[in-house]
Amino acid sequence: MKNKYVVLDFETTGVNRYHNDEVVQVAIVNQDDEVLINELCKPKHHFSWPSAQRINGISPLMVKDKLCFESYIDRIIEIFDNSEFIVCYNIAFEQGMLKNYGIDISKYVFKDPMKDFAYIYGERGYHGGYKWQSLSTCAKYFGYNFAAHDALEDVKATRYCFEQIEAYKNGKIEKSYLNNWKLLFEPLVIKQGKKYYEDDLVDVIYYGDKQIVASVKEDITHMISIEFNKSSIKKIVCDCPNASSGNKCKHMAAVLFKISE
């Protein structure tokens, strides 16, 4: 039976898709989370990859008796040919690796949830466009916990996030992600914000359909603005110095405690 879609992820000897890095793990699942392939691979031309190993935990010893990635290419092409489209998070990397191995990607349809999530998350980059977010950030936003940088874990997380994003785009997500805001904040920031909230230093100035404006009293009063859509946070800003560099601050946390009462 034809797959509606499959999700692909590689772990490699490095992060340069344009040169000679090689695949050390490949994983593919379909739309039902069925594992179609999950294999460690022995590189042909790399005998160590210390920088990548620190990230993905895959050592030369772990793959010394494994087949090379080329041994799985026919199987991967068969999976692709039997799927309507292919999903990858940060798709340019996987596409680059596929090309390096001589796989013609022009006949396949690819989708990248990273691009849609950048809009949902709402963080602006230096040039005004939406900033790309990691798979870990995306999964955390949707309340999914996983061990990043294992190909199988990554494809399962990507599939979950893709389904959540598609539901969001189709207007099917009704539950409030305002209730899940703590997933986006560091524990120390949450603790500091809770203290401001408990000391009754938060004042909600405006609570509209798409925006909340509030203040947090400190030695000086800080202003916080939260923009949201379909009950999900699109953008949150504070005028404090810490937040100006793109960090999530204790004043934001305090306001979120207040509006989550």
Protein backbone atom coordinates (compact mmCIF):
# COMPACT_ATOMS: atom_id res chain seq x y z
CA MET A 1 0.00 0.00 0.00
CA LYS A 2 1.31 3.44 -0.93
CA ASN A 3 2.48 5.67 1.90
CA LYS A 4 0.85 9.08 2.17
CA TYR A 5 4.25 10.37 3.23
CA VAL A 6 7.51 9.29 4.83
CA VAL A 7 9.90 11.15 7.13
CA LEU A 8 13.66 10.94 6.54
CA ASP A 9 16.63 11.83 8.75
CA PHE A 10 20.38 11.28 8.55
CA GLU A 11 23.14 11.34 11.12
CA THR A 12 26.45 12.00 9.40
CA THR A 13 30.21 12.39 9.84
CA GLY A 14 29.79 16.17 9.64
CA VAL A 15 27.45 18.98 8.67
CA ASN A 16 28.75 19.95 5.24
CA ARG A 17 26.30 18.61 2.69
CA TYR A 18 28.33 20.08 -0.17
CA HIS A 19 31.46 17.99 0.26
CA ASN A 20 32.43 14.50 1.37
CA ASP A 21 30.62 13.88 4.66
CA GLU A 22 28.99 10.46 4.87
CA VAL A 23 25.89 8.95 6.46
CA VAL A 24 26.38 6.99 9.70
CA GLN A 25 22.66 6.46 10.43
CA VAL A 26 19.52 6.61 8.31
CA ALA A 27 15.94 6.35 9.54
CA ILE A 28 12.59 6.54 7.78
CA VAL A 29 9.08 6.25 9.22
CA ASN A 30 5.74 6.63 7.46
CA GLN A 31 2.69 8.70 8.39
CA ASP A 32 1.57 5.99 10.84
CA ASP A 33 4.94 6.06 12.67
CA GLU A 34 5.83 2.66 11.21
CA VAL A 35 9.61 2.23 11.03
CA LEU A 36 10.56 1.48 7.41
CA ILE A 37 14.31 1.69 7.89
CA ASN A 38 16.64 2.37 10.82
CA GLU A 39 20.25 1.45 10.13
CA LEU A 40 23.71 2.41 11.30
CA CYS A 41 26.12 2.75 8.38
CA LYS A 42 29.87 2.36 8.06
CA PRO A 43 31.48 5.24 6.12
CA LYS A 44 33.76 4.32 3.23
CA HIS A 45 36.15 7.24 3.51
CA HIS A 46 35.95 8.46 7.13
CA PHE A 47 37.65 6.61 9.96
CA SER A 48 36.78 9.07 12.73
CA TRP A 49 34.42 12.03 13.12
CA PRO A 50 34.99 13.45 16.63
CA SER A 51 32.97 16.66 16.22
CA ALA A 52 29.91 14.86 14.84
CA GLN A 53 30.32 12.03 17.35
CA ARG A 54 30.00 14.50 20.22
CA ILE A 55 26.59 15.44 18.82
CA ASN A 56 25.12 12.15 17.59
CA GLY A 57 26.97 9.72 19.88
CA ILE A 58 27.79 7.37 16.99
CA SER A 59 31.38 6.11 17.22
CA PRO A 60 33.54 4.28 14.65
CA LEU A 61 33.33 1.19 16.88
CA MET A 62 29.52 1.20 16.67
CA VAL A 63 29.56 1.02 12.87
CA LYS A 64 32.70 -1.02 12.15
CA ASP A 65 30.69 -4.15 11.25
CA LYS A 66 27.79 -2.34 9.55
CA LEU A 67 27.03 -2.02 5.85
CA CYS A 68 27.79 1.24 4.09
CA PHE A 69 24.96 3.63 3.23
CA GLU A 70 25.21 2.72 -0.45
CA SER A 71 23.87 -0.73 0.46
CA TYR A 72 20.52 0.84 1.38
CA ILE A 73 20.06 3.21 -1.55
CA ASP A 74 17.87 0.86 -3.62
CA ARG A 75 15.66 0.26 -0.59
CA ILE A 76 15.38 3.99 0.09
CA ILE A 77 14.47 4.74 -3.53
CA GLU A 78 11.79 2.03 -3.39
CA ILE A 79 10.34 3.69 -0.27
CA PHE A 80 10.42 7.11 -1.95
CA ASP A 81 8.77 5.75 -5.09
CA ASN A 82 5.98 4.32 -2.94
CA SER A 83 5.26 7.61 -1.13
CA GLU A 84 3.30 10.70 -2.14
CA PHE A 85 5.83 13.04 -0.54
CA ILE A 86 8.86 13.14 1.78
CA VAL A 87 9.14 15.17 4.98
CA CYS A 88 12.47 16.35 6.44
CA TYR A 89 13.18 18.97 9.09
CA ASN A 90 15.71 21.40 7.59
CA ILE A 91 15.30 19.69 4.28
CA ALA A 92 18.28 21.25 2.51
CA PHE A 93 20.66 19.08 4.51
CA GLU A 94 18.98 15.75 3.66
CA GLN A 95 18.54 16.77 0.03
CA GLY A 96 22.23 17.68 -0.19
CA MET A 97 23.27 14.31 1.21
CA LEU A 98 20.95 12.44 -1.16
CA LYS A 99 22.49 14.30 -4.10
CA ASN A 100 25.99 13.46 -2.87
CA TYR A 101 25.08 9.78 -3.10
CA GLY A 102 23.79 10.17 -6.65
CA ILE A 103 20.06 9.97 -5.85
CA ASP A 104 17.88 11.98 -8.25
CA ILE A 105 15.62 14.02 -5.98
CA SER A 106 13.96 16.01 -8.78
CA LYS A 107 11.13 13.50 -9.21
CA TYR A 108 10.05 13.61 -5.55
CA VAL A 109 7.93 16.08 -3.57
CA PHE A 110 9.54 17.30 -0.35
CA LYS A 111 8.01 19.21 2.56
CA ASP A 112 9.89 20.98 5.35
CA PRO A 113 7.96 21.72 8.59
CA MET A 114 10.81 23.99 9.74
CA LYS A 115 9.59 26.71 7.37
CA ASP A 116 6.01 26.64 8.63
CA PHE A 117 7.11 26.45 12.26
CA ALA A 118 9.23 29.58 11.88
CA TYR A 119 6.01 31.52 11.22
CA ILE A 120 4.10 29.83 14.05
CA TYR A 121 6.92 30.47 16.55
CA GLY A 122 7.13 34.06 15.40
CA GLU A 123 10.70 35.02 16.31
CA ARG A 124 12.07 37.66 13.98
CA GLY A 125 15.63 37.59 12.66
CA TYR A 126 17.96 40.52 12.11
CA HIS A 127 16.56 41.20 8.64
CA GLY A 128 12.91 41.06 9.68
CA GLY A 129 12.07 37.57 8.41
CA TYR A 130 11.09 34.69 10.64
CA LYS A 131 14.03 32.92 12.25
CA TRP A 132 14.55 29.18 11.69
CA GLN A 133 14.10 27.10 14.85
CA SER A 134 15.65 23.75 15.71
CA LEU A 135 13.69 20.50 15.76
CA SER A 136 14.18 20.43 19.54
CA THR A 137 12.51 23.84 19.87
CA CYS A 138 9.66 22.80 17.58
CA ALA A 139 9.05 19.56 19.47
CA LYS A 140 9.20 21.36 22.81
CA TYR A 141 6.66 23.90 21.58
CA PHE A 142 4.19 21.12 20.80
CA GLY A 143 4.90 19.25 24.05
CA TYR A 144 6.89 16.36 22.55
CA ASN A 145 9.95 15.06 24.42
CA PHE A 146 12.67 13.11 22.61
CA ALA A 147 16.42 12.42 22.50
CA ALA A 148 17.69 14.64 19.68
CA HIS A 149 20.40 13.63 17.19
CA ASP A 150 19.38 10.00 16.89
CA ALA A 151 17.95 9.53 13.40
CA LEU A 152 15.01 7.39 14.54
CA GLU A 153 14.15 9.72 17.42
CA ASP A 154 14.41 12.67 15.04
CA VAL A 155 12.07 11.24 12.39
CA LYS A 156 9.49 10.35 15.03
CA ALA A 157 9.67 13.88 16.44
CA THR A 158 9.49 15.37 12.96
CA ARG A 159 6.43 13.30 12.07
CA TYR A 160 4.66 14.42 15.26
CA CYS A 161 5.53 18.08 14.67
CA PHE A 162 4.50 17.88 11.01
CA GLU A 163 1.07 16.55 12.00
CA GLN A 164 0.67 19.31 14.62
CA ILE A 165 1.68 22.01 12.14
CA GLU A 166 -0.68 20.69 9.46
CA ALA A 167 -3.51 20.64 12.00
CA TYR A 168 -2.64 24.22 12.99
CA LYS A 169 -2.66 25.34 9.34
CA ASN A 170 -6.05 23.69 8.83
CA GLY A 171 -7.50 25.34 11.94
CA LYS A 172 -7.94 22.04 13.78
CA ILE A 173 -5.92 22.87 16.91
CA GLU A 174 -8.25 24.39 19.45
CA LYS A 175 -6.43 23.79 22.72
CA SER A 176 -4.53 26.73 24.13
CA TYR A 177 -0.75 26.61 23.83
CA LEU A 178 -0.79 29.46 26.32
CA ASN A 179 -1.28 26.65 28.84
CA ASN A 180 1.94 25.02 27.65
CA TRP A 181 4.14 28.11 27.80
CA LYS A 182 6.44 26.64 30.48
CA LEU A 183 7.78 24.21 27.88
CA LEU A 184 9.41 27.18 26.16
CA PHE A 185 11.17 28.66 29.20
CA GLU A 186 14.22 27.67 31.21
CA PRO A 187 13.46 26.51 34.80
CA LEU A 188 15.42 29.41 36.36
CA VAL A 189 13.48 31.97 34.33
CA ILE A 190 10.20 30.31 35.35
CA LYS A 191 11.23 30.43 39.01
CA GLN A 192 12.16 34.11 38.83
CA GLY A 193 8.96 35.00 36.98
CA LYS A 194 6.83 33.11 39.49
CA LYS A 195 8.26 35.29 42.28
CA TYR A 196 7.15 38.49 40.50
CA TYR A 197 3.72 36.97 39.93
CA GLU A 198 3.33 35.84 43.55
CA ASP A 199 4.38 39.28 44.79
CA ASP A 200 1.53 40.78 42.73
CA LEU A 201 3.84 42.90 40.59
CA VAL A 202 2.11 42.10 37.29
CA ASP A 203 -0.53 44.43 35.87
CA VAL A 204 -2.44 43.43 32.73
CA ILE A 205 -3.10 46.68 30.88
CA TYR A 206 -4.84 45.35 27.78
CA TYR A 207 -6.28 41.93 26.94
CA GLY A 208 -7.60 41.78 23.39
CA ASP A 209 -8.45 39.05 20.90
CA LYS A 210 -4.94 38.98 19.44
CA GLN A 211 -2.72 40.85 21.88
CA ILE A 212 -2.02 41.20 25.59
CA VAL A 213 -0.07 44.13 27.02
CA ALA A 214 1.14 44.04 30.62
CA SER A 215 3.66 45.62 32.96
CA VAL A 216 5.93 44.14 35.62
CA LYS A 217 7.06 46.46 38.40
CA GLU A 218 10.71 46.30 39.35
CA ASP A 219 13.06 49.19 40.19
CA ILE A 220 11.72 50.37 36.87
CA THR A 221 8.53 49.15 35.20
CA HIS A 222 8.97 46.83 32.22
CA MET A 223 6.40 46.48 29.44
CA ILE A 224 5.54 43.14 27.86
CA SER A 225 3.52 42.48 24.71
CA ILE A 226 2.17 39.05 23.73
CA GLU A 227 0.66 38.44 20.30
CA PHE A 228 -1.30 35.25 19.77
CA ASN A 229 -3.43 33.52 17.17
CA LYS A 230 -5.76 30.54 17.60
CA SER A 231 -4.62 30.47 21.23
CA SER A 232 -0.95 29.96 20.32
CA ILE A 233 1.76 32.48 21.11
CA LYS A 234 3.00 34.16 17.92
CA LYS A 235 5.34 36.71 19.45
CA ILE A 236 6.32 37.84 22.93
CA VAL A 237 8.57 40.83 23.62
CA CYS A 238 9.80 42.72 26.67
CA ASP A 239 11.67 46.03 26.86
CA CYS A 240 14.23 44.75 29.39
CA PRO A 241 17.92 44.46 28.30
CA ASN A 242 17.96 40.67 28.61
CA ALA A 243 15.02 40.23 26.23
CA SER A 244 16.43 42.71 23.71
CA SER A 245 19.01 40.10 22.69
CA GLY A 246 16.27 37.58 21.90
CA ASN A 247 16.17 35.77 25.25
CA LYS A 248 13.02 34.80 27.13
CA CYS A 249 13.02 36.78 30.37
CA LYS A 250 11.54 36.56 33.86
CA HIS A 251 9.11 39.41 33.12
CA MET A 252 7.58 37.43 30.25
CA ALA A 253 7.25 34.44 32.56
CA ALA A 254 5.58 36.56 35.24
CA VAL A 255 2.96 37.82 32.77
CA LEU A 256 2.30 34.31 31.48
CA PHE A 257 1.74 33.13 35.05
CA LYS A 258 -0.77 35.96 35.42
CA ILE A 259 -2.78 35.30 32.27
CA SER A 260 -2.78 31.54 32.90
CA GLU A 261 -4.62 31.99 36.22
